[in-house]
Amino acid sequence: MGGGIGSLSGHRGLMLDALESVRVVTADGNLIEASKFQHPDLFWAIRGAGSNFGIITSANYTVYDASNNAQAMNADFVFPATANQSFWQIMKDYDDTLPSRLALTAVAFYDRVHDQPVIAVNAVFFGPLDEGEPHLSPLKALNPVRSNISMVSGDALMDAAFFNFFGNDNGACTPNQHINIYTLGLKRIDPPTFESFFAKLNDFWMANPDFQGRLLLQRFPNQAVQAIPNADTAYGHRDVKTYMNIEGFYTDKGLDDAVNAFAKPVRDEFARTSGFETLVTYSNYAHGDEGPEAWYSARKLPRLSALKRKWDPDQHFSWNYPVPLQWP
């Protein structure tokens, strides 16, 4: 309901673009069906701001055939911290060259075992290896300290990514830890901003040994996302190219103030060089302090507010990233 981004976004679009209909419990307690043909105004709002309008009990989707016979190229690379300047430039170059079937996920984290920061990249191409591998030439030329490129089945991609790292407890899935994430969407990569941030993040890692946080970049292609007319759904940020998370993971909640003092100003710095005029946030990742314009966009809020007054005037569904009853 908030979007549904993923590695196939460039080829198939958002998950909400494949949504055909839903059954939803509305604020007055009724169970109704919403689609382009039944309650189309509600269906429009659900596709992008759905948590504000009811409880979805079932959904019907368009289902596509598996791409490339359910086989995909999976590639993983690890780079030392000294490569960071060149790496950010490579990511900037992908702003305009990423093909629709190639998705990149990059993570910068501190390797506590070897006491050093590293950058890791996972690339997935939904096609044959001989078509996908040439797109990785810039990453291969950066001389990774570890790499692997292979074909895997679609249902094995999550376990294969980052040298099987996600098959174990890690990041947000590590038990008994505190999670504190700041996020924003980028239309473009600004290498100097990233280089400055990486140095600050390294200092923060060194000063806070309990901090297991990381930088996450999801560079998902958006050709199919942008092919849908912007007015068709309530989703407000079809022009985002990279979804960026400053992810704080730690067991000592006493770090909250330090993490907030570090991450919030950094998020604001990235917003200024993001290519957008204001802060843009994917609502499914939102911290909560960004505000309605960041979650839904100013151009969608007047209609969303009118529909909120119609479908949930008492604001029963306003716990998560609420649409205001009036805008502006």
C-alpha atoms as a PDB file:
ATOM      1  CA  MET A   1       0.000   0.000   0.000  1.00  0.00           C
ATOM      2  CA  GLY A   2       2.975   2.284   0.508  1.00  0.00           C
ATOM      3  CA  GLY A   3       4.541   1.468  -2.850  1.00  0.00           C
ATOM      4  CA  GLY A   4       6.183  -1.921  -3.102  1.00  0.00           C
ATOM      5  CA  ILE A   5       9.688  -1.250  -4.434  1.00  0.00           C
ATOM      6  CA  GLY A   6      12.100  -4.004  -5.380  1.00  0.00           C
ATOM      7  CA  SER A   7      14.778  -5.237  -7.725  1.00  0.00           C
ATOM      8  CA  LEU A   8      12.222  -5.765 -10.509  1.00  0.00           C
ATOM      9  CA  SER A   9      10.786  -2.239 -10.264  1.00  0.00           C
ATOM     10  CA  GLY A  10      12.446  -1.133 -13.471  1.00  0.00           C
ATOM     11  CA  HIS A  11      11.017  -4.061 -15.410  1.00  0.00           C
ATOM     12  CA  ARG A  12       7.625  -4.610 -13.767  1.00  0.00           C
ATOM     13  CA  GLY A  13       6.897  -1.429 -11.819  1.00  0.00           C
ATOM     14  CA  LEU A  14       5.765  -1.043  -8.217  1.00  0.00           C
ATOM     15  CA  MET A  15       3.756  -3.740  -6.498  1.00  0.00           C
ATOM     16  CA  LEU A  16       0.884  -1.279  -6.135  1.00  0.00           C
ATOM     17  CA  ASP A  17       0.879  -0.912  -9.938  1.00  0.00           C
ATOM     18  CA  ALA A  18       0.048  -4.610 -10.198  1.00  0.00           C
ATOM     19  CA  LEU A  19      -2.792  -4.308  -7.673  1.00  0.00           C
ATOM     20  CA  GLU A  20      -6.180  -4.987  -9.294  1.00  0.00           C
ATOM     21  CA  SER A  21      -8.542  -4.849  -6.313  1.00  0.00           C
ATOM     22  CA  VAL A  22      -8.715  -5.091  -2.527  1.00  0.00           C
ATOM     23  CA  ARG A  23     -11.252  -5.959   0.129  1.00  0.00           C
ATOM     24  CA  VAL A  24     -10.980  -3.362   2.856  1.00  0.00           C
ATOM     25  CA  VAL A  25     -12.578  -2.697   6.236  1.00  0.00           C
ATOM     26  CA  THR A  26     -13.299   1.031   6.305  1.00  0.00           C
ATOM     27  CA  ALA A  27     -13.524   3.363   9.299  1.00  0.00           C
ATOM     28  CA  ASP A  28     -17.296   2.860   9.568  1.00  0.00           C
ATOM     29  CA  GLY A  29     -16.801  -0.891   9.959  1.00  0.00           C
ATOM     30  CA  ASN A  30     -17.984  -1.932   6.518  1.00  0.00           C
ATOM     31  CA  LEU A  31     -16.180  -4.503   4.391  1.00  0.00           C
ATOM     32  CA  ILE A  32     -16.137  -3.327   0.789  1.00  0.00           C
ATOM     33  CA  GLU A  33     -14.277  -3.976  -2.440  1.00  0.00           C
ATOM     34  CA  ALA A  34     -12.223  -1.229  -4.022  1.00  0.00           C
ATOM     35  CA  SER A  35     -10.845  -1.231  -7.558  1.00  0.00           C
ATOM     36  CA  LYS A  36     -10.749   0.997 -10.623  1.00  0.00           C
ATOM     37  CA  PHE A  37     -14.443   0.148 -11.058  1.00  0.00           C
ATOM     38  CA  GLN A  38     -15.724   0.087  -7.456  1.00  0.00           C
ATOM     39  CA  HIS A  39     -14.956   3.007  -5.159  1.00  0.00           C
ATOM     40  CA  PRO A  40     -12.182   4.167  -7.504  1.00  0.00           C
ATOM     41  CA  ASP A  41     -11.367   7.171  -5.310  1.00  0.00           C
ATOM     42  CA  LEU A  42     -10.598   4.892  -2.367  1.00  0.00           C
ATOM     43  CA  PHE A  43      -8.614   2.563  -4.610  1.00  0.00           C
ATOM     44  CA  TRP A  44      -6.560   5.529  -5.821  1.00  0.00           C
ATOM     45  CA  ALA A  45      -5.747   6.540  -2.228  1.00  0.00           C
ATOM     46  CA  ILE A  46      -4.939   3.012  -1.091  1.00  0.00           C
ATOM     47  CA  ARG A  47      -2.238   2.759  -3.748  1.00  0.00           C
ATOM     48  CA  GLY A  48       0.310   4.968  -2.031  1.00  0.00           C
ATOM     49  CA  ALA A  49      -1.278   5.949   1.290  1.00  0.00           C
ATOM     50  CA  GLY A  50      -3.280   2.850   2.103  1.00  0.00           C
ATOM     51  CA  SER A  51      -2.579   2.623   5.821  1.00  0.00           C
ATOM     52  CA  ASN A  52      -4.636   5.803   6.229  1.00  0.00           C
ATOM     53  CA  PHE A  53      -7.838   4.409   4.780  1.00  0.00           C
ATOM     54  CA  GLY A  54      -8.631   0.998   6.204  1.00  0.00           C
ATOM     55  CA  ILE A  55      -7.593  -2.571   6.894  1.00  0.00           C
ATOM     56  CA  ILE A  56      -6.920  -4.661   3.798  1.00  0.00           C
ATOM     57  CA  THR A  57      -8.214  -8.210   4.258  1.00  0.00           C
ATOM     58  CA  SER A  58      -7.379  -9.526   0.765  1.00  0.00           C
ATOM     59  CA  ALA A  59      -5.887  -8.297  -2.494  1.00  0.00           C
ATOM     60  CA  ASN A  60      -5.833  -9.368  -6.126  1.00  0.00           C
ATOM     61  CA  TYR A  61      -2.722  -8.740  -8.204  1.00  0.00           C
ATOM     62  CA  THR A  62      -1.596  -9.084 -11.771  1.00  0.00           C
ATOM     63  CA  VAL A  63       0.985 -11.893 -11.702  1.00  0.00           C
ATOM     64  CA  TYR A  64       3.766 -11.907 -14.271  1.00  0.00           C
ATOM     65  CA  ASP A  65       5.689 -14.835 -15.698  1.00  0.00           C
ATOM     66  CA  ALA A  66       9.082 -15.260 -14.041  1.00  0.00           C
ATOM     67  CA  SER A  67      11.743 -13.251 -15.849  1.00  0.00           C
ATOM     68  CA  ASN A  68      14.383 -15.210 -17.788  1.00  0.00           C
ATOM     69  CA  ASN A  69      12.802 -18.557 -16.859  1.00  0.00           C
ATOM     70  CA  ALA A  70      13.327 -17.753 -13.164  1.00  0.00           C
ATOM     71  CA  GLN A  71      17.103 -17.485 -13.555  1.00  0.00           C
ATOM     72  CA  ALA A  72      19.031 -14.339 -12.627  1.00  0.00           C
ATOM     73  CA  MET A  73      22.627 -13.196 -12.556  1.00  0.00           C
ATOM     74  CA  ASN A  74      23.782 -12.551  -8.996  1.00  0.00           C
ATOM     75  CA  ALA A  75      27.013 -10.616  -8.471  1.00  0.00           C
ATOM     76  CA  ASP A  76      28.696  -9.593  -5.220  1.00  0.00           C
ATOM     77  CA  PHE A  77      31.665  -7.302  -4.625  1.00  0.00           C
ATOM     78  CA  VAL A  78      33.543  -6.094  -1.550  1.00  0.00           C
ATOM     79  CA  PHE A  79      35.680  -2.939  -1.634  1.00  0.00           C
ATOM     80  CA  PRO A  80      38.024  -1.417   0.958  1.00  0.00           C
ATOM     81  CA  ALA A  81      37.211   1.959   2.478  1.00  0.00           C
ATOM     82  CA  THR A  82      39.989   3.533   0.409  1.00  0.00           C
ATOM     83  CA  ALA A  83      37.900   2.924  -2.731  1.00  0.00           C
ATOM     84  CA  ASN A  84      34.958   4.934  -1.476  1.00  0.00           C
ATOM     85  CA  GLN A  85      35.575   8.086  -3.547  1.00  0.00           C
ATOM     86  CA  SER A  86      35.692   6.131  -6.799  1.00  0.00           C
ATOM     87  CA  PHE A  87      32.764   4.008  -5.724  1.00  0.00           C
ATOM     88  CA  TRP A  88      30.443   6.989  -5.204  1.00  0.00           C
ATOM     89  CA  GLN A  89      31.370   8.228  -8.680  1.00  0.00           C
ATOM     90  CA  ILE A  90      30.445   4.849 -10.154  1.00  0.00           C
ATOM     91  CA  MET A  91      27.090   5.013  -8.402  1.00  0.00           C
ATOM     92  CA  LYS A  92      26.558   8.502  -9.820  1.00  0.00           C
ATOM     93  CA  ASP A  93      27.312   7.208 -13.318  1.00  0.00           C
ATOM     94  CA  TYR A  94      24.608   4.563 -12.861  1.00  0.00           C
ATOM     95  CA  ASP A  95      22.090   7.392 -12.323  1.00  0.00           C
ATOM     96  CA  ASP A  96      21.654   7.585 -16.084  1.00  0.00           C
ATOM     97  CA  THR A  97      22.884   4.211 -17.316  1.00  0.00           C
ATOM     98  CA  LEU A  98      21.212   1.540 -15.168  1.00  0.00           C
ATOM     99  CA  PRO A  99      19.213  -0.829 -17.407  1.00  0.00           C
ATOM    100  CA  SER A 100      15.686  -1.799 -16.437  1.00  0.00           C
ATOM    101  CA  ARG A 101      16.595  -5.370 -15.446  1.00  0.00           C
ATOM    102  CA  LEU A 102      19.633  -4.559 -13.275  1.00  0.00           C
ATOM    103  CA  ALA A 103      19.268  -3.688  -9.577  1.00  0.00           C
ATOM    104  CA  LEU A 104      22.064  -2.639  -7.216  1.00  0.00           C
ATOM    105  CA  THR A 105      22.146  -2.793  -3.430  1.00  0.00           C
ATOM    106  CA  ALA A 106      25.146  -1.265  -1.680  1.00  0.00           C
ATOM    107  CA  VAL A 107      26.004  -1.441   2.007  1.00  0.00           C
ATOM    108  CA  ALA A 108      28.735   0.388   3.907  1.00  0.00           C
ATOM    109  CA  PHE A 109      29.377  -1.140   7.326  1.00  0.00           C
ATOM    110  CA  TYR A 110      32.103  -1.588   9.905  1.00  0.00           C
ATOM    111  CA  ASP A 111      33.714  -5.012   9.999  1.00  0.00           C
ATOM    112  CA  ARG A 112      34.300  -5.404  13.734  1.00  0.00           C
ATOM    113  CA  VAL A 113      36.130  -8.706  13.226  1.00  0.00           C
ATOM    114  CA  HIS A 114      38.838  -7.139  11.061  1.00  0.00           C
ATOM    115  CA  ASP A 115      38.434  -3.650  12.559  1.00  0.00           C
ATOM    116  CA  GLN A 116      37.821  -1.793   9.310  1.00  0.00           C
ATOM    117  CA  PRO A 117      35.021  -0.188   7.292  1.00  0.00           C
ATOM    118  CA  VAL A 118      34.063  -1.837   4.022  1.00  0.00           C
ATOM    119  CA  ILE A 119      31.646  -1.334   1.131  1.00  0.00           C
ATOM    120  CA  ALA A 120      29.749  -4.299  -0.292  1.00  0.00           C
ATOM    121  CA  VAL A 121      27.577  -4.389  -3.410  1.00  0.00           C
ATOM    122  CA  ASN A 122      25.021  -6.900  -4.622  1.00  0.00           C
ATOM    123  CA  ALA A 123      23.903  -6.712  -8.265  1.00  0.00           C
ATOM    124  CA  VAL A 124      21.011  -8.692  -9.715  1.00  0.00           C
ATOM    125  CA  PHE A 125      20.309  -8.857 -13.441  1.00  0.00           C
ATOM    126  CA  PHE A 126      17.112 -10.536 -14.573  1.00  0.00           C
ATOM    127  CA  GLY A 127      18.529 -11.992 -17.756  1.00  0.00           C
ATOM    128  CA  PRO A 128      21.416 -14.120 -19.042  1.00  0.00           C
ATOM    129  CA  LEU A 129      24.912 -13.617 -17.718  1.00  0.00           C
ATOM    130  CA  ASP A 130      26.378 -12.553 -21.061  1.00  0.00           C
ATOM    131  CA  GLU A 131      23.894  -9.653 -21.175  1.00  0.00           C
ATOM    132  CA  GLY A 132      24.227  -8.633 -17.540  1.00  0.00           C
ATOM    133  CA  GLU A 133      27.946  -8.892 -16.834  1.00  0.00           C
ATOM    134  CA  PRO A 134      29.072  -6.066 -19.172  1.00  0.00           C
ATOM    135  CA  HIS A 135      27.029  -3.607 -17.082  1.00  0.00           C
ATOM    136  CA  LEU A 136      29.271  -4.457 -14.116  1.00  0.00           C
ATOM    137  CA  SER A 137      32.528  -3.416 -15.794  1.00  0.00           C
ATOM    138  CA  PRO A 138      32.956  -0.264 -13.652  1.00  0.00           C
ATOM    139  CA  LEU A 139      32.671  -2.300 -10.441  1.00  0.00           C
ATOM    140  CA  LYS A 140      35.031  -5.002 -11.682  1.00  0.00           C
ATOM    141  CA  ALA A 141      37.554  -2.339 -12.702  1.00  0.00           C
ATOM    142  CA  LEU A 142      37.613  -0.964  -9.149  1.00  0.00           C
ATOM    143  CA  ASN A 143      39.558  -4.076  -8.049  1.00  0.00           C
ATOM    144  CA  PRO A 144      37.280  -5.586  -5.407  1.00  0.00           C
ATOM    145  CA  VAL A 145      38.966  -7.547  -2.635  1.00  0.00           C
ATOM    146  CA  ARG A 146      36.319 -10.221  -3.065  1.00  0.00           C
ATOM    147  CA  SER A 147      33.852 -10.928  -5.870  1.00  0.00           C
ATOM    148  CA  ASN A 148      31.541 -13.544  -7.277  1.00  0.00           C
ATOM    149  CA  ILE A 149      29.314 -13.600 -10.376  1.00  0.00           C
ATOM    150  CA  SER A 150      26.984 -16.521 -11.012  1.00  0.00           C
ATOM    151  CA  MET A 151      23.533 -17.525 -12.198  1.00  0.00           C
ATOM    152  CA  VAL A 152      21.036 -18.507  -9.509  1.00  0.00           C
ATOM    153  CA  SER A 153      17.348 -19.360  -9.418  1.00  0.00           C
ATOM    154  CA  GLY A 154      14.984 -16.540  -8.526  1.00  0.00           C
ATOM    155  CA  ASP A 155      13.911 -18.153  -5.269  1.00  0.00           C
ATOM    156  CA  ALA A 156      17.551 -18.328  -4.128  1.00  0.00           C
ATOM    157  CA  LEU A 157      18.424 -14.668  -4.700  1.00  0.00           C
ATOM    158  CA  MET A 158      17.906 -13.515  -1.116  1.00  0.00           C
ATOM    159  CA  ASP A 159      20.129 -16.237   0.304  1.00  0.00           C
ATOM    160  CA  ALA A 160      22.762 -15.762  -2.407  1.00  0.00           C
ATOM    161  CA  ALA A 161      23.106 -12.001  -1.962  1.00  0.00           C
ATOM    162  CA  PHE A 162      26.252 -10.638  -0.299  1.00  0.00           C
ATOM    163  CA  PHE A 163      27.930 -14.047  -0.213  1.00  0.00           C
ATOM    164  CA  ASN A 164      24.993 -15.651   1.636  1.00  0.00           C
ATOM    165  CA  PHE A 165      25.186 -12.997   4.372  1.00  0.00           C
ATOM    166  CA  PHE A 166      21.411 -12.533   4.527  1.00  0.00           C
ATOM    167  CA  GLY A 167      20.869 -16.191   5.270  1.00  0.00           C
ATOM    168  CA  ASN A 168      21.946 -15.380   8.841  1.00  0.00           C
ATOM    169  CA  ASP A 169      20.689 -13.025  11.523  1.00  0.00           C
ATOM    170  CA  ASN A 170      22.012  -9.581  10.660  1.00  0.00           C
ATOM    171  CA  GLY A 171      21.008  -5.954  10.503  1.00  0.00           C
ATOM    172  CA  ALA A 172      17.366  -5.408  11.382  1.00  0.00           C
ATOM    173  CA  CYS A 173      16.914  -9.175  11.883  1.00  0.00           C
ATOM    174  CA  THR A 174      19.446  -9.507  14.693  1.00  0.00           C
ATOM    175  CA  PRO A 175      17.579 -10.413  17.910  1.00  0.00           C
ATOM    176  CA  ASN A 176      17.439  -8.157  20.972  1.00  0.00           C
ATOM    177  CA  GLN A 177      18.599  -4.896  19.457  1.00  0.00           C
ATOM    178  CA  HIS A 178      17.309  -1.369  19.010  1.00  0.00           C
ATOM    179  CA  ILE A 179      16.539  -0.166  15.476  1.00  0.00           C
ATOM    180  CA  ASN A 180      16.738   3.535  14.597  1.00  0.00           C
ATOM    181  CA  ILE A 181      16.592   4.354  10.874  1.00  0.00           C
ATOM    182  CA  TYR A 182      16.650   7.626   8.950  1.00  0.00           C
ATOM    183  CA  THR A 183      15.832   7.527   5.260  1.00  0.00           C
ATOM    184  CA  LEU A 184      15.365   9.564   2.105  1.00  0.00           C
ATOM    185  CA  GLY A 185      14.939   9.204  -1.631  1.00  0.00           C
ATOM    186  CA  LEU A 186      17.498  10.474  -4.135  1.00  0.00           C
ATOM    187  CA  LYS A 187      17.066  11.550  -7.730  1.00  0.00           C
ATOM    188  CA  ARG A 188      20.816  11.733  -8.138  1.00  0.00           C
ATOM    189  CA  ILE A 189      23.997  10.706  -6.354  1.00  0.00           C
ATOM    190  CA  ASP A 190      26.270  13.554  -5.238  1.00  0.00           C
ATOM    191  CA  PRO A 191      29.750  12.027  -4.679  1.00  0.00           C
ATOM    192  CA  PRO A 192      31.149  14.837  -2.454  1.00  0.00           C
ATOM    193  CA  THR A 193      28.194  14.478  -0.061  1.00  0.00           C
ATOM    194  CA  PHE A 194      28.746  10.737   0.152  1.00  0.00           C
ATOM    195  CA  GLU A 195      32.488  11.074   0.616  1.00  0.00           C
ATOM    196  CA  SER A 196      31.982  13.530   3.471  1.00  0.00           C
ATOM    197  CA  PHE A 197      29.330  11.327   5.067  1.00  0.00           C
ATOM    198  CA  PHE A 198      31.461   8.192   4.836  1.00  0.00           C
ATOM    199  CA  ALA A 199      34.244   9.910   6.785  1.00  0.00           C
ATOM    200  CA  LYS A 200      31.740  11.037   9.456  1.00  0.00           C
ATOM    201  CA  LEU A 201      30.221   7.569   9.619  1.00  0.00           C
ATOM    202  CA  ASN A 202      33.653   6.012  10.111  1.00  0.00           C
ATOM    203  CA  ASP A 203      34.329   8.395  13.004  1.00  0.00           C
ATOM    204  CA  PHE A 204      30.959   7.490  14.535  1.00  0.00           C
ATOM    205  CA  TRP A 205      31.696   3.765  14.228  1.00  0.00           C
ATOM    206  CA  MET A 206      35.029   4.258  15.967  1.00  0.00           C
ATOM    207  CA  ALA A 207      33.534   6.349  18.769  1.00  0.00           C
ATOM    208  CA  ASN A 208      30.634   3.946  19.412  1.00  0.00           C
ATOM    209  CA  PRO A 209      31.731   0.285  19.407  1.00  0.00           C
ATOM    210  CA  ASP A 210      28.180  -0.926  20.168  1.00  0.00           C
ATOM    211  CA  PHE A 211      26.854   0.769  17.039  1.00  0.00           C
ATOM    212  CA  GLN A 212      26.315  -1.839  14.312  1.00  0.00           C
ATOM    213  CA  GLY A 213      24.656   0.605  11.940  1.00  0.00           C
ATOM    214  CA  ARG A 214      25.269   0.927   8.248  1.00  0.00           C
ATOM    215  CA  LEU A 215      24.518   2.882   5.124  1.00  0.00           C
ATOM    216  CA  LEU A 216      22.120   1.123   2.747  1.00  0.00           C
ATOM    217  CA  LEU A 217      21.592   2.191  -0.868  1.00  0.00           C
ATOM    218  CA  GLN A 218      18.959   0.513  -3.008  1.00  0.00           C
ATOM    219  CA  ARG A 219      19.521   1.620  -6.606  1.00  0.00           C
ATOM    220  CA  PHE A 220      16.476   0.124  -8.237  1.00  0.00           C
ATOM    221  CA  PRO A 221      15.778   1.039 -11.866  1.00  0.00           C
ATOM    222  CA  ASN A 222      12.551   2.977 -12.323  1.00  0.00           C
ATOM    223  CA  GLN A 223      11.723   2.824 -16.038  1.00  0.00           C
ATOM    224  CA  ALA A 224       8.499   0.836 -15.538  1.00  0.00           C
ATOM    225  CA  VAL A 225       7.642   2.897 -12.444  1.00  0.00           C
ATOM    226  CA  GLN A 226       7.775   6.117 -14.422  1.00  0.00           C
ATOM    227  CA  ALA A 227       5.851   4.610 -17.320  1.00  0.00           C
ATOM    228  CA  ILE A 228       2.688   4.749 -15.175  1.00  0.00           C
ATOM    229  CA  PRO A 229       1.025   8.196 -15.302  1.00  0.00           C
ATOM    230  CA  ASN A 230       1.700  10.019 -12.056  1.00  0.00           C
ATOM    231  CA  ALA A 231      -1.987  10.848 -11.600  1.00  0.00           C
ATOM    232  CA  ASP A 232      -3.071   7.185 -11.660  1.00  0.00           C
ATOM    233  CA  THR A 233      -2.243   6.485  -7.992  1.00  0.00           C
ATOM    234  CA  ALA A 234      -1.603   8.313  -4.724  1.00  0.00           C
ATOM    235  CA  TYR A 235       2.054   7.242  -4.772  1.00  0.00           C
ATOM    236  CA  GLY A 236       3.986  10.481  -4.873  1.00  0.00           C
ATOM    237  CA  HIS A 237       7.616   9.705  -5.676  1.00  0.00           C
ATOM    238  CA  ARG A 238       7.935   7.841  -8.958  1.00  0.00           C
ATOM    239  CA  ASP A 239      11.084   9.774  -9.861  1.00  0.00           C
ATOM    240  CA  VAL A 240      13.174   8.404  -6.976  1.00  0.00           C
ATOM    241  CA  LYS A 241      16.179   6.509  -8.302  1.00  0.00           C
ATOM    242  CA  THR A 242      17.967   5.521  -5.091  1.00  0.00           C
ATOM    243  CA  TYR A 243      16.442   4.674  -1.712  1.00  0.00           C
ATOM    244  CA  MET A 244      18.919   5.490   1.037  1.00  0.00           C
ATOM    245  CA  ASN A 245      18.799   4.367   4.666  1.00  0.00           C
ATOM    246  CA  ILE A 246      21.069   5.443   7.498  1.00  0.00           C
ATOM    247  CA  GLU A 247      20.418   2.388   9.619  1.00  0.00           C
ATOM    248  CA  GLY A 248      21.142   2.375  13.340  1.00  0.00           C
ATOM    249  CA  PHE A 249      21.351  -1.028  15.023  1.00  0.00           C
ATOM    250  CA  TYR A 250      22.513  -1.297  18.642  1.00  0.00           C
ATOM    251  CA  THR A 251      21.625  -2.989  21.922  1.00  0.00           C
ATOM    252  CA  ASP A 252      22.145   0.021  24.217  1.00  0.00           C
ATOM    253  CA  LYS A 253      19.164   2.377  23.903  1.00  0.00           C
ATOM    254  CA  GLY A 254      21.301   4.963  25.616  1.00  0.00           C
ATOM    255  CA  LEU A 255      22.825   5.565  22.190  1.00  0.00           C
ATOM    256  CA  ASP A 256      19.543   7.025  20.918  1.00  0.00           C
ATOM    257  CA  ASP A 257      20.488  10.650  21.486  1.00  0.00           C
ATOM    258  CA  ALA A 258      23.896  10.253  19.875  1.00  0.00           C
ATOM    259  CA  VAL A 259      22.486   8.409  16.859  1.00  0.00           C
ATOM    260  CA  ASN A 260      19.723  10.980  16.379  1.00  0.00           C
ATOM    261  CA  ALA A 261      22.188  13.859  16.691  1.00  0.00           C
ATOM    262  CA  PHE A 262      24.370  12.208  14.059  1.00  0.00           C
ATOM    263  CA  ALA A 263      21.816  10.896  11.573  1.00  0.00           C
ATOM    264  CA  LYS A 264      19.204  13.645  11.362  1.00  0.00           C
ATOM    265  CA  PRO A 265      21.551  16.467  10.241  1.00  0.00           C
ATOM    266  CA  VAL A 266      23.201  14.073   7.786  1.00  0.00           C
ATOM    267  CA  ARG A 267      19.814  13.202   6.298  1.00  0.00           C
ATOM    268  CA  ASP A 268      19.185  16.932   5.848  1.00  0.00           C
ATOM    269  CA  GLU A 269      22.542  17.352   4.098  1.00  0.00           C
ATOM    270  CA  PHE A 270      21.690  14.574   1.664  1.00  0.00           C
ATOM    271  CA  ALA A 271      18.261  16.120   1.036  1.00  0.00           C
ATOM    272  CA  ARG A 272      19.945  19.313  -0.132  1.00  0.00           C
ATOM    273  CA  THR A 273      21.946  17.454  -2.803  1.00  0.00           C
ATOM    274  CA  SER A 274      19.326  14.799  -3.627  1.00  0.00           C
ATOM    275  CA  GLY A 275      18.050  16.428  -6.799  1.00  0.00           C
ATOM    276  CA  PHE A 276      14.690  17.165  -5.156  1.00  0.00           C
ATOM    277  CA  GLU A 277      13.600  20.562  -3.866  1.00  0.00           C
ATOM    278  CA  THR A 278      12.537  19.130  -0.498  1.00  0.00           C
ATOM    279  CA  LEU A 279      13.031  15.993   1.570  1.00  0.00           C
ATOM    280  CA  VAL A 280      11.508  12.942  -0.138  1.00  0.00           C
ATOM    281  CA  THR A 281      10.835   9.763   1.830  1.00  0.00           C
ATOM    282  CA  TYR A 282       9.545   6.307   0.920  1.00  0.00           C
ATOM    283  CA  SER A 283       6.792   6.006   3.520  1.00  0.00           C
ATOM    284  CA  ASN A 284       7.395   2.296   4.168  1.00  0.00           C
ATOM    285  CA  TYR A 285      10.893   3.215   5.395  1.00  0.00           C
ATOM    286  CA  ALA A 286      10.061   6.513   7.109  1.00  0.00           C
ATOM    287  CA  HIS A 287      11.454   7.481  10.504  1.00  0.00           C
ATOM    288  CA  GLY A 288       8.264   9.387  11.331  1.00  0.00           C
ATOM    289  CA  ASP A 289       9.492  12.961  11.700  1.00  0.00           C
ATOM    290  CA  GLU A 290       9.616  13.871   8.000  1.00  0.00           C
ATOM    291  CA  GLY A 291       6.023  15.097   7.571  1.00  0.00           C
ATOM    292  CA  PRO A 292       3.209  14.525   5.040  1.00  0.00           C
ATOM    293  CA  GLU A 293       4.871  16.352   2.158  1.00  0.00           C
ATOM    294  CA  ALA A 294       7.925  14.095   2.383  1.00  0.00           C
ATOM    295  CA  TRP A 295       5.769  10.955   2.636  1.00  0.00           C
ATOM    296  CA  TYR A 296       3.166  11.691  -0.033  1.00  0.00           C
ATOM    297  CA  SER A 297       4.295  14.810  -1.993  1.00  0.00           C
ATOM    298  CA  ALA A 298       2.638  18.208  -2.010  1.00  0.00           C
ATOM    299  CA  ARG A 299       0.886  17.543  -5.313  1.00  0.00           C
ATOM    300  CA  LYS A 300      -0.963  14.488  -3.925  1.00  0.00           C
ATOM    301  CA  LEU A 301      -1.919  15.876  -0.509  1.00  0.00           C
ATOM    302  CA  PRO A 302      -4.929  18.067  -1.456  1.00  0.00           C
ATOM    303  CA  ARG A 303      -6.765  15.081  -2.939  1.00  0.00           C
ATOM    304  CA  LEU A 304      -5.586  12.731  -0.200  1.00  0.00           C
ATOM    305  CA  SER A 305      -6.830  15.125   2.499  1.00  0.00           C
ATOM    306  CA  ALA A 306     -10.242  15.365   0.847  1.00  0.00           C
ATOM    307  CA  LEU A 307     -10.460  11.569   0.716  1.00  0.00           C
ATOM    308  CA  LYS A 308      -9.327  11.317   4.330  1.00  0.00           C
ATOM    309  CA  ARG A 309     -12.233  13.562   5.321  1.00  0.00           C
ATOM    310  CA  LYS A 310     -14.578  11.329   3.328  1.00  0.00           C
ATOM    311  CA  TRP A 311     -13.348   7.880   4.358  1.00  0.00           C
ATOM    312  CA  ASP A 312     -11.790   8.438   7.804  1.00  0.00           C
ATOM    313  CA  PRO A 313     -12.975  11.770   9.241  1.00  0.00           C
ATOM    314  CA  ASP A 314     -12.358  10.626  12.821  1.00  0.00           C
ATOM    315  CA  GLN A 315      -8.808   9.552  11.965  1.00  0.00           C
ATOM    316  CA  HIS A 316      -9.075   5.960  13.137  1.00  0.00           C
ATOM    317  CA  PHE A 317      -6.299   5.044  10.686  1.00  0.00           C
ATOM    318  CA  SER A 318      -3.794   7.762  11.477  1.00  0.00           C
ATOM    319  CA  TRP A 319      -1.220   5.964  13.573  1.00  0.00           C
ATOM    320  CA  ASN A 320       1.382   5.602  10.843  1.00  0.00           C
ATOM    321  CA  TYR A 321       2.363   8.643   8.768  1.00  0.00           C
ATOM    322  CA  PRO A 322      -1.076  10.278   8.890  1.00  0.00           C
ATOM    323  CA  VAL A 323      -2.623  12.134   5.988  1.00  0.00           C
ATOM    324  CA  PRO A 324      -3.885  15.438   7.452  1.00  0.00           C
ATOM    325  CA  LEU A 325      -7.581  16.256   7.208  1.00  0.00           C
ATOM    326  CA  GLN A 326      -6.671  19.614   5.661  1.00  0.00           C
ATOM    327  CA  TRP A 327      -3.909  20.524   3.215  1.00  0.00           C
ATOM    328  CA  PRO A 328      -2.439  22.991   3.041  1.00  0.00           C
END
